[in-house]
């Protein structure tokens, strides 16, 4: 019975840790500033 309880607690702790890491990653990605969508190189279209 003790092994079953230990296994259940370990699985629960792993699930809680996985959810916490996922929420942390989402929070970190939301905290990064948005990058401007400006091209570094532009080509002039002449003759059209």
PDB file of N, CA and C in Angstrom:
ATOM      1  N   UNK A   1       0.828  -1.199   0.000  1.00  0.00           N
ATOM      2  CA  UNK A   1       0.000   0.000   0.000  1.00  0.00           C
ATOM      3  C   UNK A   1       0.870   1.260   0.000  1.00  0.00           C
ATOM      4  N   UNK A   2       2.008   1.183   0.677  1.00  0.00           N
ATOM      5  CA  UNK A   2       2.880   2.344   0.735  1.00  0.00           C
ATOM      6  C   UNK A   2       3.481   2.669  -0.632  1.00  0.00           C
ATOM      7  N   UNK A   3       3.766   1.634  -1.419  1.00  0.00           N
ATOM      8  CA  UNK A   3       4.315   1.875  -2.758  1.00  0.00           C
ATOM      9  C   UNK A   3       3.270   2.520  -3.662  1.00  0.00           C
ATOM     10  N   UNK A   4       2.037   2.096  -3.518  1.00  0.00           N
ATOM     11  CA  UNK A   4       0.965   2.668  -4.336  1.00  0.00           C
ATOM     12  C   UNK A   4       0.761   4.139  -3.986  1.00  0.00           C
ATOM     13  N   UNK A   5       0.799   4.456  -2.718  1.00  0.00           N
ATOM     14  CA  UNK A   5       0.654   5.842  -2.280  1.00  0.00           C
ATOM     15  C   UNK A   5       1.829   6.686  -2.759  1.00  0.00           C
ATOM     16  N   UNK A   6       3.031   6.136  -2.662  1.00  0.00           N
ATOM     17  CA  UNK A   6       4.219   6.856  -3.128  1.00  0.00           C
ATOM     18  C   UNK A   6       4.144   7.086  -4.635  1.00  0.00           C
ATOM     19  N   UNK A   7       3.694   6.105  -5.379  1.00  0.00           N
ATOM     20  CA  UNK A   7       3.575   6.257  -6.830  1.00  0.00           C
ATOM     21  C   UNK A   7       2.518   7.306  -7.188  1.00  0.00           C
ATOM     22  N   UNK A   8       1.405   7.297  -6.473  1.00  0.00           N
ATOM     23  CA  UNK A   8       0.344   8.273  -6.735  1.00  0.00           C
ATOM     24  C   UNK A   8       0.816   9.684  -6.408  1.00  0.00           C
ATOM     25  N   UNK A   9       1.510   9.846  -5.295  1.00  0.00           N
ATOM     26  CA  UNK A   9       2.020  11.174  -4.930  1.00  0.00           C
ATOM     27  C   UNK A   9       3.088  11.649  -5.906  1.00  0.00           C
ATOM     28  N   UNK A  10       3.919  10.747  -6.375  1.00  0.00           N
ATOM     29  CA  UNK A  10       4.943  11.109  -7.360  1.00  0.00           C
ATOM     30  C   UNK A  10       4.302  11.549  -8.673  1.00  0.00           C
ATOM     31  N   UNK A  11       3.284  10.826  -9.121  1.00  0.00           N
ATOM     32  CA  UNK A  11       2.592  11.198 -10.364  1.00  0.00           C
ATOM     33  C   UNK A  11       1.884  12.536 -10.193  1.00  0.00           C
ATOM     34  N   UNK A  12       1.285  12.765  -9.045  1.00  0.00           N
ATOM     35  CA  UNK A  12       0.618  14.037  -8.790  1.00  0.00           C
ATOM     36  C   UNK A  12       1.618  15.189  -8.765  1.00  0.00           C
ATOM     37  N   UNK A  13       2.752  14.965  -8.112  1.00  0.00           N
ATOM     38  CA  UNK A  13       3.785  16.007  -8.063  1.00  0.00           C
ATOM     39  C   UNK A  13       4.332  16.297  -9.463  1.00  0.00           C
ATOM     40  N   UNK A  14       4.511  15.269 -10.271  1.00  0.00           N
ATOM     41  CA  UNK A  14       5.005  15.466 -11.640  1.00  0.00           C
ATOM     42  C   UNK A  14       3.991  16.245 -12.470  1.00  0.00           C
ATOM     43  N   UNK A  15       2.712  15.964 -12.300  1.00  0.00           N
ATOM     44  CA  UNK A  15       1.688  16.678 -13.053  1.00  0.00           C
ATOM     45  C   UNK A  15       1.625  18.143 -12.635  1.00  0.00           C
ATOM     46  N   UNK A  16       1.713  18.397 -11.339  1.00  0.00           N
ATOM     47  CA  UNK A  16       1.692  19.777 -10.849  1.00  0.00           C
ATOM     48  C   UNK A  16       2.924  20.532 -11.352  1.00  0.00           C
ATOM     49  N   UNK A  17       4.068  19.878 -11.332  1.00  0.00           N
ATOM     50  CA  UNK A  17       5.294  20.507 -11.822  1.00  0.00           C
ATOM     51  C   UNK A  17       5.196  20.811 -13.317  1.00  0.00           C
ATOM     52  N   UNK A  18       4.635  19.896 -14.090  1.00  0.00           N
ATOM     53  CA  UNK A  18       4.499  20.114 -15.532  1.00  0.00           C
ATOM     54  C   UNK A  18       3.562  21.282 -15.827  1.00  0.00           C
ATOM     55  N   UNK A  19       2.465  21.370 -15.103  1.00  0.00           N
ATOM     56  CA  UNK A  19       1.534  22.488 -15.304  1.00  0.00           C
ATOM     57  C   UNK A  19       2.205  23.807 -14.910  1.00  0.00           C
ATOM     58  N   UNK A  20       2.947  23.801 -13.820  1.00  0.00           N
ATOM     59  CA  UNK A  20       3.644  25.010 -13.391  1.00  0.00           C
ATOM     60  C   UNK A  20       4.677  25.469 -14.398  1.00  0.00           C
ATOM     61  N   UNK A  21       5.416  24.535 -14.953  1.00  0.00           N
ATOM     62  CA  UNK A  21       6.419  24.889 -15.971  1.00  0.00           C
ATOM     63  C   UNK A  21       5.733  25.430 -17.219  1.00  0.00           C
ATOM     64  N   UNK A  22       4.649  24.810 -17.631  1.00  0.00           N
ATOM     65  CA  UNK A  22       3.935  25.284 -18.817  1.00  0.00           C
ATOM     66  C   UNK A  22       3.406  26.700 -18.602  1.00  0.00           C
ATOM     67  N   UNK A  23       2.830  26.969 -17.443  1.00  0.00           N
ATOM     68  CA  UNK A  23       2.331  28.322 -17.168  1.00  0.00           C
ATOM     69  C   UNK A  23       3.476  29.326 -17.091  1.00  0.00           C
ATOM     70  N   UNK A  24       4.619  28.905 -16.566  1.00  0.00           N
ATOM     71  CA  UNK A  24       5.775  29.780 -16.512  1.00  0.00           C
ATOM     72  C   UNK A  24       6.298  30.126 -17.889  1.00  0.00           C
ATOM     73  N   UNK A  25       6.312  29.154 -18.788  1.00  0.00           N
ATOM     74  CA  UNK A  25       6.768  29.405 -20.159  1.00  0.00           C
ATOM     75  C   UNK A  25       5.813  30.362 -20.856  1.00  0.00           C
ATOM     76  N   UNK A  26       4.521  30.164 -20.687  1.00  0.00           N
ATOM     77  CA  UNK A  26       3.538  31.059 -21.306  1.00  0.00           C
ATOM     78  C   UNK A  26       3.685  32.469 -20.759  1.00  0.00           C
ATOM     79  N   UNK A  27       3.897  32.599 -19.463  1.00  0.00           N
ATOM     80  CA  UNK A  27       4.070  33.921 -18.860  1.00  0.00           C
ATOM     81  C   UNK A  27       5.345  34.590 -19.375  1.00  0.00           C
ATOM     82  N   UNK A  28       6.406  33.819 -19.535  1.00  0.00           N
ATOM     83  CA  UNK A  28       7.664  34.381 -20.038  1.00  0.00           C
ATOM     84  C   UNK A  28       7.515  34.829 -21.493  1.00  0.00           C
ATOM     85  N   UNK A  29       6.789  34.066 -22.289  1.00  0.00           N
ATOM     86  CA  UNK A  29       6.593  34.454 -23.686  1.00  0.00           C
ATOM     87  C   UNK A  29       5.700  35.681 -23.798  1.00  0.00           C
ATOM     88  N   UNK A  30       4.734  35.820 -22.922  1.00  0.00           N
ATOM     89  CA  UNK A  30       3.874  37.004 -22.941  1.00  0.00           C
ATOM     90  C   UNK A  30       4.613  38.242 -22.447  1.00  0.00           C
ATOM     91  N   UNK A  31       5.642  38.060 -21.637  1.00  0.00           N
ATOM     92  CA  UNK A  31       6.371  39.191 -21.064  1.00  0.00           C
ATOM     93  C   UNK A  31       7.379  39.790 -22.047  1.00  0.00           C
ATOM     94  N   UNK A  32       7.754  39.040 -23.084  1.00  0.00           N
ATOM     95  CA  UNK A  32       8.737  39.558 -24.037  1.00  0.00           C
ATOM     96  C   UNK A  32       8.083  40.636 -24.892  1.00  0.00           C
ATOM     97  N   UNK A  33       8.822  41.681 -25.225  1.00  0.00           N
ATOM     98  CA  UNK A  33       8.236  42.747 -26.042  1.00  0.00           C
ATOM     99  C   UNK A  33       7.988  42.278 -27.471  1.00  0.00           C
ATOM    100  N   UNK A  34       7.003  42.866 -28.078  1.00  0.00           N
ATOM    101  CA  UNK A  34       6.684  42.525 -29.462  1.00  0.00           C
ATOM    102  C   UNK A  34       7.746  43.108 -30.387  1.00  0.00           C
ATOM    103  N   UNK A  35       8.149  42.327 -31.357  1.00  0.00           N
ATOM    104  CA  UNK A  35       9.162  42.766 -32.305  1.00  0.00           C
ATOM    105  C   UNK A  35       8.475  43.495 -33.469  1.00  0.00           C
ATOM    106  N   UNK A  36       9.061  44.600 -33.927  1.00  0.00           N
ATOM    107  CA  UNK A  36       8.462  45.299 -35.070  1.00  0.00           C
ATOM    108  C   UNK A  36       8.621  44.483 -36.354  1.00  0.00           C
ATOM    109  N   UNK A  37       7.625  44.540 -37.179  1.00  0.00           N
ATOM    110  CA  UNK A  37       7.650  43.803 -38.440  1.00  0.00           C
ATOM    111  C   UNK A  37       8.097  44.748 -39.553  1.00  0.00           C
ATOM    112  N   UNK A  38       9.356  45.163 -39.494  1.00  0.00           N
ATOM    113  CA  UNK A  38       9.918  46.089 -40.473  1.00  0.00           C
ATOM    114  C   UNK A  38      11.019  45.358 -41.231  1.00  0.00           C
ATOM    115  N   UNK A  39      10.940  45.339 -42.559  1.00  0.00           N
ATOM    116  CA  UNK A  39      11.985  44.635 -43.309  1.00  0.00           C
ATOM    117  C   UNK A  39      13.325  45.350 -43.200  1.00  0.00           C
ATOM    118  N   UNK A  40      14.390  44.561 -43.136  1.00  0.00           N
ATOM    119  CA  UNK A  40      15.727  45.133 -43.056  1.00  0.00           C
ATOM    120  C   UNK A  40      16.219  45.613 -44.419  1.00  0.00           C
ATOM    121  N   UNK A  41      15.762  44.957 -45.470  1.00  0.00           N
ATOM    122  CA  UNK A  41      16.186  45.306 -46.830  1.00  0.00           C
ATOM    123  C   UNK A  41      14.942  45.566 -47.660  1.00  0.00           C
ATOM    124  N   UNK A  42      14.940  46.666 -48.404  1.00  0.00           N
ATOM    125  CA  UNK A  42      13.841  46.950 -49.328  1.00  0.00           C
ATOM    126  C   UNK A  42      14.416  47.153 -50.714  1.00  0.00           C
ATOM    127  N   UNK A  43      13.676  46.769 -51.708  1.00  0.00           N
ATOM    128  CA  UNK A  43      14.087  46.920 -53.093  1.00  0.00           C
ATOM    129  C   UNK A  43      13.128  47.880 -53.778  1.00  0.00           C
ATOM    130  N   UNK A  44      13.682  48.883 -54.438  1.00  0.00           N
ATOM    131  CA  UNK A  44      12.866  49.849 -55.159  1.00  0.00           C
ATOM    132  C   UNK A  44      12.377  49.215 -56.447  1.00  0.00           C
ATOM    133  N   UNK A  45      11.107  49.443 -56.743  1.00  0.00           N
ATOM    134  CA  UNK A  45      10.529  48.919 -57.986  1.00  0.00           C
ATOM    135  C   UNK A  45      10.450  50.070 -58.979  1.00  0.00           C
ATOM    136  N   UNK A  46      11.443  50.185 -59.792  1.00  0.00           N
ATOM    137  CA  UNK A  46      11.470  51.224 -60.808  1.00  0.00           C
ATOM    138  C   UNK A  46      11.062  50.667 -62.159  1.00  0.00           C
ATOM    139  N   UNK A  47      10.465  51.495 -62.960  1.00  0.00           N
ATOM    140  CA  UNK A  47      10.065  51.067 -64.313  1.00  0.00           C
ATOM    141  C   UNK A  47       8.714  50.416 -64.378  1.00  0.00           C
ATOM    142  N   UNK A  48       7.953  50.464 -63.356  1.00  0.00           N
ATOM    143  CA  UNK A  48       6.613  49.867 -63.422  1.00  0.00           C
ATOM    144  C   UNK A  48       5.551  50.920 -63.491  1.00  0.00           C
TER     145      UNK A  48
END
